[in-house]
Amino acid sequence: MAPIGKKLFPRRAQEKDKLVTQVKRYTRQLGIRSKNYQKRAEVSRKNAKIALQRGERERAKSYLVQYKQYQMKVDRTNNIRAKFDRQIEALEEGAAIAQSGSFMAKMRDELKTIATKASPEAIAEISEDSEMYVSEIEEAGDILAGDLEIDLGIDVSDMLDQLETEMLLDASGSMPTVPEGDLPEYISDIELESEEEEIKSKAKLQEEIEKLKKELSE
């Protein structure tokens, strides 16, 4: 079942549009009626002149009374039409304002949601947390890439001195301050036997031993 609001508000809008259409049609009828009254008023005034020209003074008064009555009807009809026009304009303007208010309310709610997520306090907290996490990650990286000599507690100072002495002897008693020529490359890796292959070799050897034992027992 649809919510009550969804059922009522479209119906109200339709009723409002229907009412405005009916009133506009009625005001057009009032406009036509006013024009007809005005025409009759002009005819009465012309007839009053004709009556005077004919020397019929009393009849001229009657026509002027009719003229005055039609003029009063014109004014009354125009006033009624003006009030309806004003109310129609108020309805249309009110509907536009209400719709604008609805849009603004939705925009306000959306802005509120965004502002809550992007508030200065929230952004500052996010930025501070992010910097903290970055620092922790960098610190963890420094720990992983630390000095092995310090981390493992191994002092290689004596070995380094001995190595420098050997280099001095190889260089006829002089230690070059600036290396010359092609520099030797570091040994980055050496070929090692696969542990998996060694395990397989031991398993194969054990299999051969078991097979030999079986043959001897027969």
Protein backbone atom coordinates (compact mmCIF):
# COMPACT_ATOMS: atom_id res chain seq x y z
CA MET A 1 0.00 0.00 0.00
CA ALA A 2 1.41 3.39 -1.01
CA PRO A 3 2.19 5.94 1.73
CA ILE A 4 -0.54 8.46 2.49
CA GLY A 5 1.63 11.40 1.45
CA LYS A 6 2.25 9.95 -1.98
CA LYS A 7 -1.48 9.41 -2.45
CA LEU A 8 -2.66 12.81 -1.22
CA PHE A 9 -0.14 15.32 -2.54
CA PRO A 10 -0.46 14.45 -6.25
CA ARG A 11 -4.24 14.57 -5.82
CA ARG A 12 -4.00 17.98 -4.17
CA ALA A 13 -1.83 19.24 -7.01
CA GLN A 14 -4.34 17.98 -9.55
CA GLU A 15 -7.21 19.58 -7.65
CA LYS A 16 -5.30 22.87 -7.48
CA ASP A 17 -4.59 22.82 -11.23
CA LYS A 18 -8.24 21.97 -11.95
CA LEU A 19 -9.43 24.81 -9.72
CA VAL A 20 -7.07 27.32 -11.35
CA THR A 21 -8.28 26.24 -14.81
CA GLN A 22 -11.92 26.63 -13.80
CA VAL A 23 -11.33 30.06 -12.25
CA LYS A 24 -9.40 31.29 -15.30
CA ARG A 25 -12.26 30.15 -17.52
CA TYR A 26 -14.70 32.01 -15.24
CA THR A 27 -12.60 35.20 -15.28
CA ARG A 28 -12.60 35.12 -19.08
CA GLN A 29 -16.39 34.90 -18.93
CA LEU A 30 -16.39 37.88 -16.55
CA GLY A 31 -14.23 39.78 -19.03
CA ILE A 32 -16.70 39.10 -21.83
CA ARG A 33 -19.60 40.06 -19.56
CA SER A 34 -17.86 43.31 -18.66
CA LYS A 35 -17.36 44.16 -22.33
CA ASN A 36 -21.04 43.47 -23.01
CA TYR A 37 -22.06 45.73 -20.12
CA GLN A 38 -19.76 48.41 -21.50
CA LYS A 39 -21.31 48.15 -24.96
CA ARG A 40 -24.81 48.41 -23.50
CA ALA A 41 -23.73 51.38 -21.43
CA GLU A 42 -22.45 53.13 -24.55
CA VAL A 43 -25.70 52.36 -26.39
CA SER A 44 -27.74 53.77 -23.49
CA ARG A 45 -25.66 56.93 -23.49
CA LYS A 46 -26.10 57.34 -27.24
CA ASN A 47 -29.84 56.79 -26.87
CA ALA A 48 -29.92 59.46 -24.18
CA LYS A 49 -28.40 61.90 -26.67
CA ILE A 50 -30.90 60.87 -29.30
CA ALA A 51 -33.77 61.36 -26.80
CA LEU A 52 -32.55 64.89 -26.08
CA GLN A 53 -32.31 65.59 -29.77
CA ARG A 54 -35.90 64.39 -30.05
CA GLY A 55 -36.92 66.61 -27.16
CA GLU A 56 -37.76 63.61 -25.00
CA ARG A 57 -36.08 64.67 -21.81
CA GLU A 58 -37.65 62.08 -19.50
CA ARG A 59 -36.66 59.26 -21.82
CA ALA A 60 -33.16 60.68 -21.96
CA LYS A 61 -33.06 60.40 -18.13
CA SER A 62 -34.15 56.77 -18.33
CA TYR A 63 -31.36 55.98 -20.79
CA LEU A 64 -28.84 57.73 -18.56
CA VAL A 65 -30.07 55.65 -15.62
CA GLN A 66 -29.50 52.54 -17.71
CA TYR A 67 -26.07 53.86 -18.67
CA LYS A 68 -25.23 54.41 -14.99
CA GLN A 69 -26.44 50.91 -14.05
CA TYR A 70 -24.38 49.28 -16.79
CA GLN A 71 -21.33 51.28 -15.74
CA MET A 72 -21.80 50.08 -12.16
CA LYS A 73 -22.05 46.48 -13.41
CA VAL A 74 -18.86 46.98 -15.46
CA ASP A 75 -17.02 48.24 -12.39
CA ARG A 76 -18.39 45.47 -10.16
CA THR A 77 -17.56 42.76 -12.70
CA ASN A 78 -14.05 44.15 -13.23
CA ASN A 79 -13.47 44.24 -9.46
CA ILE A 80 -14.58 40.62 -9.10
CA ARG A 81 -12.33 39.60 -11.99
CA ALA A 82 -9.39 41.50 -10.50
CA LYS A 83 -9.82 39.66 -7.18
CA PHE A 84 -9.90 36.29 -8.91
CA ASP A 85 -6.83 37.22 -11.00
CA ARG A 86 -4.99 38.24 -7.83
CA GLN A 87 -5.86 34.97 -6.11
CA ILE A 88 -4.83 32.92 -9.15
CA GLU A 89 -1.50 34.72 -9.22
CA ALA A 90 -1.13 34.06 -5.50
CA LEU A 91 -1.88 30.34 -6.02
CA GLU A 92 0.64 30.03 -8.85
CA GLU A 93 3.26 32.03 -6.98
CA GLY A 94 2.59 30.04 -3.81
CA ALA A 95 3.00 26.77 -5.70
CA ALA A 96 6.30 28.01 -7.13
CA ILE A 97 7.48 29.10 -3.67
CA ALA A 98 6.39 25.77 -2.15
CA GLN A 99 8.25 23.87 -4.85
CA SER A 100 11.30 26.08 -4.35
CA GLY A 101 11.06 25.43 -0.62
CA SER A 102 10.89 21.69 -1.26
CA PHE A 103 13.96 21.86 -3.49
CA MET A 104 15.82 23.97 -0.94
CA ALA A 105 14.90 21.56 1.86
CA LYS A 106 16.26 18.62 -0.14
CA MET A 107 19.41 20.58 -0.98
CA ARG A 108 19.78 21.56 2.68
CA ASP A 109 19.54 17.91 3.75
CA GLU A 110 22.08 16.91 1.11
CA LEU A 111 24.41 19.73 2.14
CA LYS A 112 24.00 18.71 5.78
CA THR A 113 25.01 15.14 4.93
CA ILE A 114 28.02 16.33 2.95
CA ALA A 115 29.00 18.86 5.62
CA THR A 116 28.83 16.15 8.28
CA LYS A 117 31.20 13.97 6.28
CA ALA A 118 33.42 16.86 5.20
CA SER A 119 33.34 18.99 8.34
CA PRO A 120 36.60 20.74 9.32
CA GLU A 121 36.79 18.60 12.45
CA ALA A 122 36.26 15.36 10.51
CA ILE A 123 38.76 16.33 7.81
CA ALA A 124 41.31 17.39 10.44
CA GLU A 125 40.84 14.10 12.28
CA ILE A 126 41.16 12.10 9.04
CA SER A 127 44.27 14.06 8.06
CA GLU A 128 45.82 13.56 11.50
CA ASP A 129 45.02 9.84 11.50
CA SER A 130 46.41 9.47 7.98
CA GLU A 131 49.67 11.16 8.94
CA MET A 132 49.89 8.93 12.01
CA TYR A 133 49.38 5.79 9.93
CA VAL A 134 51.95 6.97 7.38
CA SER A 135 54.45 7.56 10.19
CA GLU A 136 53.75 4.12 11.65
CA ILE A 137 54.22 2.47 8.25
CA GLU A 138 57.48 4.35 7.68
CA GLU A 139 58.63 3.40 11.15
CA ALA A 140 57.78 -0.24 10.44
CA GLY A 141 59.75 0.00 7.19
CA ASP A 142 62.73 1.46 9.05
CA ILE A 143 62.55 -1.42 11.52
CA LEU A 144 62.47 -4.00 8.72
CA ALA A 145 65.30 -2.27 6.90
CA GLY A 146 67.34 -1.62 10.04
CA ASP A 147 71.06 -2.10 10.59
CA LEU A 148 71.66 -5.83 10.85
CA GLU A 149 74.85 -5.24 12.82
CA ILE A 150 72.82 -3.45 15.50
CA ASP A 151 69.71 -5.62 15.26
CA LEU A 152 71.65 -8.87 15.51
CA GLY A 153 74.25 -7.54 17.98
CA ILE A 154 77.15 -8.57 15.74
CA ASP A 155 80.27 -6.40 15.82
CA VAL A 156 82.25 -6.60 12.59
CA SER A 157 84.68 -3.75 13.29
CA ASP A 158 87.66 -6.08 13.77
CA MET A 159 86.82 -8.02 10.64
CA LEU A 160 86.53 -4.74 8.68
CA ASP A 161 89.96 -3.64 9.93
CA GLN A 162 91.44 -7.01 8.93
CA LEU A 163 89.89 -6.74 5.48
CA GLU A 164 91.33 -3.24 4.98
CA THR A 165 94.77 -4.54 6.02
CA GLU A 166 94.54 -7.31 3.43
CA MET A 167 93.64 -4.76 0.78
CA LEU A 168 96.62 -2.60 1.75
CA LEU A 169 98.95 -5.56 1.37
CA ASP A 170 97.46 -6.45 -2.00
CA ALA A 171 97.94 -2.85 -3.12
CA SER A 172 101.67 -2.77 -2.14
CA GLY A 173 101.12 -0.88 1.07
CA SER A 174 98.88 1.86 -0.31
CA MET A 175 95.11 2.16 0.06
CA PRO A 176 93.53 3.91 -2.97
CA THR A 177 91.36 6.82 -1.88
CA VAL A 178 89.56 6.98 -5.24
CA PRO A 179 88.98 3.68 -7.04
CA GLU A 180 90.36 3.58 -10.56
CA GLY A 181 89.29 1.51 -13.56
CA ASP A 182 86.38 -0.89 -13.63
CA LEU A 183 84.96 -1.59 -10.22
CA PRO A 184 84.23 -5.18 -9.25
CA GLU A 185 80.57 -6.09 -9.12
CA TYR A 186 78.97 -7.26 -5.90
CA ILE A 187 78.04 -10.89 -5.71
CA SER A 188 74.31 -10.65 -5.67
CA ASP A 189 73.48 -14.34 -5.69
CA ILE A 190 74.99 -17.79 -6.02
CA GLU A 191 73.58 -20.96 -7.42
CA LEU A 192 72.24 -23.15 -4.65
CA GLU A 193 70.99 -26.67 -4.73
CA SER A 194 67.27 -27.00 -4.42
CA GLU A 195 66.17 -28.23 -1.02
CA GLU A 196 63.25 -29.95 -2.67
CA GLU A 197 65.58 -31.90 -4.94
CA GLU A 198 67.67 -32.89 -1.91
CA ILE A 199 64.55 -34.17 -0.15
CA LYS A 200 63.65 -36.13 -3.25
CA SER A 201 67.18 -37.58 -3.38
CA LYS A 202 66.97 -38.67 0.25
CA ALA A 203 63.56 -40.22 -0.37
CA LYS A 204 64.90 -42.05 -3.40
CA LEU A 205 67.89 -43.29 -1.39
CA GLN A 206 65.59 -44.54 1.34
CA GLU A 207 63.49 -46.30 -1.28
CA GLU A 208 66.58 -48.01 -2.66
CA ILE A 209 67.58 -49.10 0.87
CA GLU A 210 64.16 -50.55 1.54
CA LYS A 211 64.22 -52.36 -1.78
CA LEU A 212 67.67 -53.81 -1.02
CA LYS A 213 66.55 -54.97 2.40
CA LYS A 214 63.56 -56.69 0.84
CA GLU A 215 65.78 -58.50 -1.66
CA LEU A 216 68.17 -59.68 1.09
CA SER A 217 65.36 -61.02 3.18
CA GLU A 218 64.04 -63.19 0.37
